[in-house]
Amino acid sequence: MSDVSSIYDAIKKDIDRRLGEFALLWKNGDDTEIFKELCFCTCTPQNDAHKAWNAVLRLNENKLMENGDNYSIAETLRENGVRFHKNKARYIIANRDIFYPDTKNKVQELIKNKPVIEARDGLQKKVFGWGLKEASHFLRNIGMGDGICILDRHIMRQLTLYGVIKEIPASISGAVYHEIEQKMLAFAERETVPVDALDLVFWYKEKNELFK
C-alpha cells in the first residue's frame, strides 16, 4: 500500500465529517441549497473551486440565482473570478428553467431507484454544461458518490503519480472516463479507502484542506 492509506487514516475523522455534511445537505437541504450545488458543479469546470463557490454564494445573496438575467449572472461570475462566465451564466439560466423551483423533487425523479451509474447518466444528459465529471461531483456533494469518481485534473494528476494511469488524457470521452474510473475504483479497493473519500485524500494532498 502507498501513503494514501496513511493519509486517509490520519484525517479519517475529518473526511467522515465532510462526507456526513454532504449527506445531510440532501436530507435537510431545501430547493435553494440543492440548486446552489447544481450551480457550483456547473461553474467548477476549468475554474478554481473556491472562486466558483464564492460566486454561487454571491448569486444567492443577491437573488440572482433565482431571477437574475444573463448579464447580471455573468457579471457576478466574472467579478468572482469564474472563467468562461458567459457560458456558465447561460447554463445556469437554462438549468434554472428546468430545475428551479422544486429542485429536490426534480433531481429525485432523475435518480430515484437507480444504480449510481444510471443516476449519473441521467443527470449528465439533463443538466446543461455537465459531463460525467460534473454529474459525479454533484452526486458526491449530496452524499451519493459511492462507486463513482470525479475525474478532474487534480485527481488524474494523482493517479499518474501512483501509476494508476500513464498520463492525463488530452480529452476524456465517455469510454475513456469509464476506463480510468474503473482503474481508480480498483486502486481505492487496494488501498482500502472508500472512493468518495479518496477524492478528498487527493485534494488534501494537493491543497492541504478538505473542501467540496
C-alpha atoms as a PDB file:
ATOM      1  CA  MET A   1       0.000   0.000   0.000  1.00  0.00           C
ATOM      2  CA  SER A   2       1.080   3.584  -0.620  1.00  0.00           C
ATOM      3  CA  ASP A   3       0.952   6.641   1.613  1.00  0.00           C
ATOM      4  CA  VAL A   4      -2.678   7.167   0.563  1.00  0.00           C
ATOM      5  CA  SER A   5      -3.858   4.776   3.264  1.00  0.00           C
ATOM      6  CA  SER A   6      -1.727   6.537   5.876  1.00  0.00           C
ATOM      7  CA  ILE A   7      -3.102   9.940   4.924  1.00  0.00           C
ATOM      8  CA  TYR A   8      -6.629   8.582   4.985  1.00  0.00           C
ATOM      9  CA  ASP A   9      -6.141   7.086   8.443  1.00  0.00           C
ATOM     10  CA  ALA A  10      -4.700  10.374   9.711  1.00  0.00           C
ATOM     11  CA  ILE A  11      -7.617  12.517   8.527  1.00  0.00           C
ATOM     12  CA  LYS A  12     -10.410   9.935   8.501  1.00  0.00           C
ATOM     13  CA  LYS A  13     -12.453  11.728  11.150  1.00  0.00           C
ATOM     14  CA  ASP A  14     -12.400  14.950   9.134  1.00  0.00           C
ATOM     15  CA  ILE A  15     -13.259  13.107   5.928  1.00  0.00           C
ATOM     16  CA  ASP A  16     -16.131  11.254   7.600  1.00  0.00           C
ATOM     17  CA  ARG A  17     -17.453  14.533   8.948  1.00  0.00           C
ATOM     18  CA  ARG A  18     -17.253  16.145   5.496  1.00  0.00           C
ATOM     19  CA  LEU A  19     -18.983  13.234   3.789  1.00  0.00           C
ATOM     20  CA  GLY A  20     -21.618  13.362   6.505  1.00  0.00           C
ATOM     21  CA  GLU A  21     -22.201  17.038   5.747  1.00  0.00           C
ATOM     22  CA  PHE A  22     -22.712  16.175   2.092  1.00  0.00           C
ATOM     23  CA  ALA A  23     -25.310  13.563   3.015  1.00  0.00           C
ATOM     24  CA  LEU A  24     -27.113  15.978   5.327  1.00  0.00           C
ATOM     25  CA  LEU A  25     -27.327  18.515   2.519  1.00  0.00           C
ATOM     26  CA  TRP A  26     -29.595  16.185   0.586  1.00  0.00           C
ATOM     27  CA  LYS A  27     -31.502  15.064   3.675  1.00  0.00           C
ATOM     28  CA  ASN A  28     -32.131  18.511   5.147  1.00  0.00           C
ATOM     29  CA  GLY A  29     -31.415  20.965   2.320  1.00  0.00           C
ATOM     30  CA  ASP A  30     -34.188  22.883   0.607  1.00  0.00           C
ATOM     31  CA  ASP A  31     -34.526  23.562  -3.118  1.00  0.00           C
ATOM     32  CA  THR A  32     -32.240  26.596  -2.921  1.00  0.00           C
ATOM     33  CA  GLU A  33     -29.456  24.633  -1.211  1.00  0.00           C
ATOM     34  CA  ILE A  34     -29.636  21.822  -3.750  1.00  0.00           C
ATOM     35  CA  PHE A  35     -29.741  24.263  -6.667  1.00  0.00           C
ATOM     36  CA  LYS A  36     -26.687  26.044  -5.253  1.00  0.00           C
ATOM     37  CA  GLU A  37     -24.793  22.752  -5.503  1.00  0.00           C
ATOM     38  CA  LEU A  38     -26.044  22.279  -9.039  1.00  0.00           C
ATOM     39  CA  CYS A  39     -24.800  25.765  -9.945  1.00  0.00           C
ATOM     40  CA  PHE A  40     -21.488  25.138  -8.193  1.00  0.00           C
ATOM     41  CA  CYS A  41     -20.854  21.970 -10.191  1.00  0.00           C
ATOM     42  CA  THR A  42     -21.772  23.898 -13.333  1.00  0.00           C
ATOM     43  CA  CYS A  43     -19.174  26.568 -12.557  1.00  0.00           C
ATOM     44  CA  THR A  44     -16.263  24.357 -11.482  1.00  0.00           C
ATOM     45  CA  PRO A  45     -15.038  23.052 -14.878  1.00  0.00           C
ATOM     46  CA  GLN A  46     -11.788  24.872 -15.734  1.00  0.00           C
ATOM     47  CA  ASN A  47     -12.194  27.017 -12.636  1.00  0.00           C
ATOM     48  CA  ASP A  48     -10.899  27.242  -9.086  1.00  0.00           C
ATOM     49  CA  ALA A  49     -13.402  25.552  -6.769  1.00  0.00           C
ATOM     50  CA  HIS A  50     -13.234  28.289  -4.119  1.00  0.00           C
ATOM     51  CA  LYS A  51     -13.904  31.004  -6.689  1.00  0.00           C
ATOM     52  CA  ALA A  52     -16.791  29.006  -8.125  1.00  0.00           C
ATOM     53  CA  TRP A  53     -18.359  28.544  -4.693  1.00  0.00           C
ATOM     54  CA  ASN A  54     -17.878  32.202  -3.744  1.00  0.00           C
ATOM     55  CA  ALA A  55     -19.570  33.216  -6.993  1.00  0.00           C
ATOM     56  CA  VAL A  56     -22.547  30.959  -6.254  1.00  0.00           C
ATOM     57  CA  LEU A  57     -22.839  32.381  -2.747  1.00  0.00           C
ATOM     58  CA  ARG A  58     -22.886  35.897  -4.187  1.00  0.00           C
ATOM     59  CA  LEU A  59     -25.522  34.917  -6.749  1.00  0.00           C
ATOM     60  CA  ASN A  60     -27.644  33.557  -3.933  1.00  0.00           C
ATOM     61  CA  GLU A  61     -27.139  36.604  -1.704  1.00  0.00           C
ATOM     62  CA  ASN A  62     -28.258  38.928  -4.498  1.00  0.00           C
ATOM     63  CA  LYS A  63     -31.209  36.702  -5.508  1.00  0.00           C
ATOM     64  CA  LEU A  64     -29.666  36.414  -8.962  1.00  0.00           C
ATOM     65  CA  MET A  65     -29.673  32.636  -8.843  1.00  0.00           C
ATOM     66  CA  GLU A  66     -33.454  32.713  -8.695  1.00  0.00           C
ATOM     67  CA  ASN A  67     -34.326  35.569 -11.029  1.00  0.00           C
ATOM     68  CA  GLY A  68     -31.165  37.179 -12.435  1.00  0.00           C
ATOM     69  CA  ASP A  69     -30.804  37.801 -16.143  1.00  0.00           C
ATOM     70  CA  ASN A  70     -27.932  36.535 -18.249  1.00  0.00           C
ATOM     71  CA  TYR A  71     -25.884  39.728 -17.956  1.00  0.00           C
ATOM     72  CA  SER A  72     -26.216  40.048 -14.163  1.00  0.00           C
ATOM     73  CA  ILE A  73     -25.276  36.436 -13.576  1.00  0.00           C
ATOM     74  CA  ALA A  74     -22.358  36.562 -15.996  1.00  0.00           C
ATOM     75  CA  GLU A  75     -21.020  39.738 -14.393  1.00  0.00           C
ATOM     76  CA  THR A  76     -21.220  38.247 -10.918  1.00  0.00           C
ATOM     77  CA  LEU A  77     -19.335  35.177 -12.090  1.00  0.00           C
ATOM     78  CA  ARG A  78     -16.695  37.350 -13.758  1.00  0.00           C
ATOM     79  CA  GLU A  79     -16.285  39.572 -10.706  1.00  0.00           C
ATOM     80  CA  ASN A  80     -15.643  36.481  -8.598  1.00  0.00           C
ATOM     81  CA  GLY A  81     -13.011  35.088 -10.935  1.00  0.00           C
ATOM     82  CA  VAL A  82     -15.021  32.440 -12.775  1.00  0.00           C
ATOM     83  CA  ARG A  83     -13.651  31.869 -16.262  1.00  0.00           C
ATOM     84  CA  PHE A  84     -15.984  31.395 -19.230  1.00  0.00           C
ATOM     85  CA  HIS A  85     -18.543  33.368 -17.271  1.00  0.00           C
ATOM     86  CA  LYS A  86     -20.837  33.986 -20.235  1.00  0.00           C
ATOM     87  CA  ASN A  87     -21.193  30.289 -20.985  1.00  0.00           C
ATOM     88  CA  LYS A  88     -21.647  29.459 -17.315  1.00  0.00           C
ATOM     89  CA  ALA A  89     -24.370  32.095 -16.998  1.00  0.00           C
ATOM     90  CA  ARG A  90     -26.242  30.589 -19.945  1.00  0.00           C
ATOM     91  CA  TYR A  91     -26.007  27.156 -18.368  1.00  0.00           C
ATOM     92  CA  ILE A  92     -27.264  28.412 -15.009  1.00  0.00           C
ATOM     93  CA  ILE A  93     -30.289  30.054 -16.588  1.00  0.00           C
ATOM     94  CA  ALA A  94     -31.052  27.002 -18.734  1.00  0.00           C
ATOM     95  CA  ASN A  95     -30.796  24.767 -15.662  1.00  0.00           C
ATOM     96  CA  ARG A  96     -32.909  27.147 -13.614  1.00  0.00           C
ATOM     97  CA  ASP A  97     -35.656  26.860 -16.210  1.00  0.00           C
ATOM     98  CA  ILE A  98     -35.587  23.087 -15.769  1.00  0.00           C
ATOM     99  CA  PHE A  99     -34.817  22.578 -12.091  1.00  0.00           C
ATOM    100  CA  TYR A 100     -35.914  25.617 -10.094  1.00  0.00           C
ATOM    101  CA  PRO A 101     -38.087  25.746  -8.113  1.00  0.00           C
ATOM    102  CA  ASP A 102     -38.896  22.219  -6.883  1.00  0.00           C
ATOM    103  CA  THR A 103     -35.249  21.297  -7.437  1.00  0.00           C
ATOM    104  CA  LYS A 104     -35.129  18.454  -4.966  1.00  0.00           C
ATOM    105  CA  ASN A 105     -38.127  16.627  -6.408  1.00  0.00           C
ATOM    106  CA  LYS A 106     -36.906  17.117  -9.978  1.00  0.00           C
ATOM    107  CA  VAL A 107     -33.467  15.739  -9.163  1.00  0.00           C
ATOM    108  CA  GLN A 108     -35.074  12.898  -7.253  1.00  0.00           C
ATOM    109  CA  GLU A 109     -37.110  11.962 -10.308  1.00  0.00           C
ATOM    110  CA  LEU A 110     -33.895  11.542 -12.290  1.00  0.00           C
ATOM    111  CA  ILE A 111     -32.022   9.432  -9.759  1.00  0.00           C
ATOM    112  CA  LYS A 112     -34.524   7.526  -7.616  1.00  0.00           C
ATOM    113  CA  ASN A 113     -34.336   3.730  -7.584  1.00  0.00           C
ATOM    114  CA  LYS A 114     -31.406   3.753  -9.994  1.00  0.00           C
ATOM    115  CA  PRO A 115     -27.864   2.438  -9.609  1.00  0.00           C
ATOM    116  CA  VAL A 116     -25.447   5.311  -9.183  1.00  0.00           C
ATOM    117  CA  ILE A 117     -24.054   4.939 -12.726  1.00  0.00           C
ATOM    118  CA  GLU A 118     -27.530   5.243 -14.234  1.00  0.00           C
ATOM    119  CA  ALA A 119     -28.371   8.148 -11.942  1.00  0.00           C
ATOM    120  CA  ARG A 120     -25.230   9.932 -13.076  1.00  0.00           C
ATOM    121  CA  ASP A 121     -26.005   9.322 -16.737  1.00  0.00           C
ATOM    122  CA  GLY A 122     -29.492  10.733 -16.268  1.00  0.00           C
ATOM    123  CA  LEU A 123     -28.155  13.898 -14.673  1.00  0.00           C
ATOM    124  CA  GLN A 124     -25.442  14.343 -17.281  1.00  0.00           C
ATOM    125  CA  LYS A 125     -27.959  14.211 -20.097  1.00  0.00           C
ATOM    126  CA  LYS A 126     -30.402  16.604 -18.428  1.00  0.00           C
ATOM    127  CA  VAL A 127     -28.182  19.310 -16.914  1.00  0.00           C
ATOM    128  CA  PHE A 128     -26.706  21.916 -19.252  1.00  0.00           C
ATOM    129  CA  GLY A 129     -22.923  22.247 -19.043  1.00  0.00           C
ATOM    130  CA  TRP A 130     -22.369  18.876 -17.400  1.00  0.00           C
ATOM    131  CA  GLY A 131     -20.361  15.827 -18.349  1.00  0.00           C
ATOM    132  CA  LEU A 132     -19.690  12.716 -16.301  1.00  0.00           C
ATOM    133  CA  LYS A 133     -17.282  14.585 -14.039  1.00  0.00           C
ATOM    134  CA  GLU A 134     -19.773  17.286 -13.064  1.00  0.00           C
ATOM    135  CA  ALA A 135     -22.587  14.783 -12.527  1.00  0.00           C
ATOM    136  CA  SER A 136     -20.255  12.698 -10.342  1.00  0.00           C
ATOM    137  CA  HIS A 137     -19.251  15.804  -8.386  1.00  0.00           C
ATOM    138  CA  PHE A 138     -22.868  16.748  -7.729  1.00  0.00           C
ATOM    139  CA  LEU A 139     -23.823  13.259  -6.581  1.00  0.00           C
ATOM    140  CA  ARG A 140     -20.835  13.157  -4.221  1.00  0.00           C
ATOM    141  CA  ASN A 141     -21.774  16.574  -2.844  1.00  0.00           C
ATOM    142  CA  ILE A 142     -25.273  15.364  -1.978  1.00  0.00           C
ATOM    143  CA  GLY A 143     -23.937  12.214  -0.323  1.00  0.00           C
ATOM    144  CA  MET A 144     -24.445   9.782  -3.198  1.00  0.00           C
ATOM    145  CA  GLY A 145     -20.920   9.441  -4.582  1.00  0.00           C
ATOM    146  CA  ASP A 146     -20.183   5.862  -3.587  1.00  0.00           C
ATOM    147  CA  GLY A 147     -18.958   3.892  -6.606  1.00  0.00           C
ATOM    148  CA  ILE A 148     -18.206   6.783  -8.969  1.00  0.00           C
ATOM    149  CA  CYS A 149     -15.215   9.071  -9.490  1.00  0.00           C
ATOM    150  CA  ILE A 150     -14.758  12.797 -10.023  1.00  0.00           C
ATOM    151  CA  LEU A 151     -12.058  12.705 -12.678  1.00  0.00           C
ATOM    152  CA  ASP A 152     -10.844  16.285 -12.722  1.00  0.00           C
ATOM    153  CA  ARG A 153      -7.239  17.178 -13.423  1.00  0.00           C
ATOM    154  CA  HIS A 154      -6.077  17.110  -9.825  1.00  0.00           C
ATOM    155  CA  ILE A 155      -7.428  13.571  -9.448  1.00  0.00           C
ATOM    156  CA  MET A 156      -5.818  12.386 -12.666  1.00  0.00           C
ATOM    157  CA  ARG A 157      -2.545  14.066 -11.719  1.00  0.00           C
ATOM    158  CA  GLN A 158      -2.523  11.998  -8.537  1.00  0.00           C
ATOM    159  CA  LEU A 159      -3.451   8.859 -10.468  1.00  0.00           C
ATOM    160  CA  THR A 160      -0.397   9.336 -12.674  1.00  0.00           C
ATOM    161  CA  LEU A 161       1.814   9.793  -9.606  1.00  0.00           C
ATOM    162  CA  TYR A 162       0.660   6.439  -8.264  1.00  0.00           C
ATOM    163  CA  GLY A 163       0.974   4.710 -11.619  1.00  0.00           C
ATOM    164  CA  VAL A 164      -2.756   4.084 -11.935  1.00  0.00           C
ATOM    165  CA  ILE A 165      -2.718   5.749 -15.374  1.00  0.00           C
ATOM    166  CA  LYS A 166       0.287   6.506 -17.559  1.00  0.00           C
ATOM    167  CA  GLU A 167      -0.680  10.074 -18.418  1.00  0.00           C
ATOM    168  CA  ILE A 168      -3.523  12.555 -18.258  1.00  0.00           C
ATOM    169  CA  PRO A 169      -5.514  12.184 -21.485  1.00  0.00           C
ATOM    170  CA  ALA A 170      -5.884  15.206 -23.736  1.00  0.00           C
ATOM    171  CA  SER A 171      -9.646  14.678 -23.704  1.00  0.00           C
ATOM    172  CA  ILE A 172     -11.836  12.411 -21.647  1.00  0.00           C
ATOM    173  CA  SER A 173     -14.750  10.961 -23.592  1.00  0.00           C
ATOM    174  CA  GLY A 174     -17.302   8.618 -22.074  1.00  0.00           C
ATOM    175  CA  ALA A 175     -15.296   5.489 -22.866  1.00  0.00           C
ATOM    176  CA  VAL A 176     -12.038   6.963 -21.560  1.00  0.00           C
ATOM    177  CA  TYR A 177     -13.784   8.265 -18.451  1.00  0.00           C
ATOM    178  CA  HIS A 178     -15.219   4.852 -17.639  1.00  0.00           C
ATOM    179  CA  GLU A 179     -11.860   3.166 -18.240  1.00  0.00           C
ATOM    180  CA  ILE A 180      -9.989   5.490 -15.860  1.00  0.00           C
ATOM    181  CA  GLU A 181     -12.832   5.324 -13.356  1.00  0.00           C
ATOM    182  CA  GLN A 182     -12.527   1.532 -13.186  1.00  0.00           C
ATOM    183  CA  LYS A 183      -8.786   1.860 -12.560  1.00  0.00           C
ATOM    184  CA  MET A 184      -9.378   4.388  -9.780  1.00  0.00           C
ATOM    185  CA  LEU A 185     -12.029   2.167  -8.188  1.00  0.00           C
ATOM    186  CA  ALA A 186      -9.587  -0.739  -8.236  1.00  0.00           C
ATOM    187  CA  PHE A 187      -6.866   1.459  -6.709  1.00  0.00           C
ATOM    188  CA  ALA A 188      -9.231   2.594  -3.955  1.00  0.00           C
ATOM    189  CA  GLU A 189     -10.062  -1.027  -3.175  1.00  0.00           C
ATOM    190  CA  ARG A 190      -6.383  -1.965  -2.994  1.00  0.00           C
ATOM    191  CA  GLU A 191      -5.733   0.936  -0.652  1.00  0.00           C
ATOM    192  CA  THR A 192      -8.845   0.094   1.404  1.00  0.00           C
ATOM    193  CA  VAL A 193     -10.052   3.685   1.054  1.00  0.00           C
ATOM    194  CA  PRO A 194     -13.677   4.390   0.010  1.00  0.00           C
ATOM    195  CA  VAL A 195     -13.584   6.033  -3.391  1.00  0.00           C
ATOM    196  CA  ASP A 196     -15.623   9.063  -2.303  1.00  0.00           C
ATOM    197  CA  ALA A 197     -13.044   9.553   0.456  1.00  0.00           C
ATOM    198  CA  LEU A 198     -10.137   9.024  -1.949  1.00  0.00           C
ATOM    199  CA  ASP A 199     -11.078  12.197  -3.819  1.00  0.00           C
ATOM    200  CA  LEU A 200     -10.807  14.127  -0.561  1.00  0.00           C
ATOM    201  CA  VAL A 201      -7.483  12.471   0.251  1.00  0.00           C
ATOM    202  CA  PHE A 202      -6.105  13.563  -3.126  1.00  0.00           C
ATOM    203  CA  TRP A 203      -7.486  17.074  -2.616  1.00  0.00           C
ATOM    204  CA  TYR A 204      -5.890  17.215   0.823  1.00  0.00           C
ATOM    205  CA  LYS A 205      -2.550  16.112  -0.618  1.00  0.00           C
ATOM    206  CA  GLU A 206      -2.589  18.944  -3.157  1.00  0.00           C
ATOM    207  CA  LYS A 207      -4.323  21.704  -1.192  1.00  0.00           C
ATOM    208  CA  ASN A 208      -3.837  20.757   2.462  1.00  0.00           C
ATOM    209  CA  GLU A 209      -7.556  21.185   3.072  1.00  0.00           C
ATOM    210  CA  LEU A 210     -10.899  19.453   2.648  1.00  0.00           C
ATOM    211  CA  PHE A 211     -13.363  21.385   0.541  1.00  0.00           C
ATOM    212  CA  LYS A 212     -16.048  20.469  -1.960  1.00  0.00           C
END
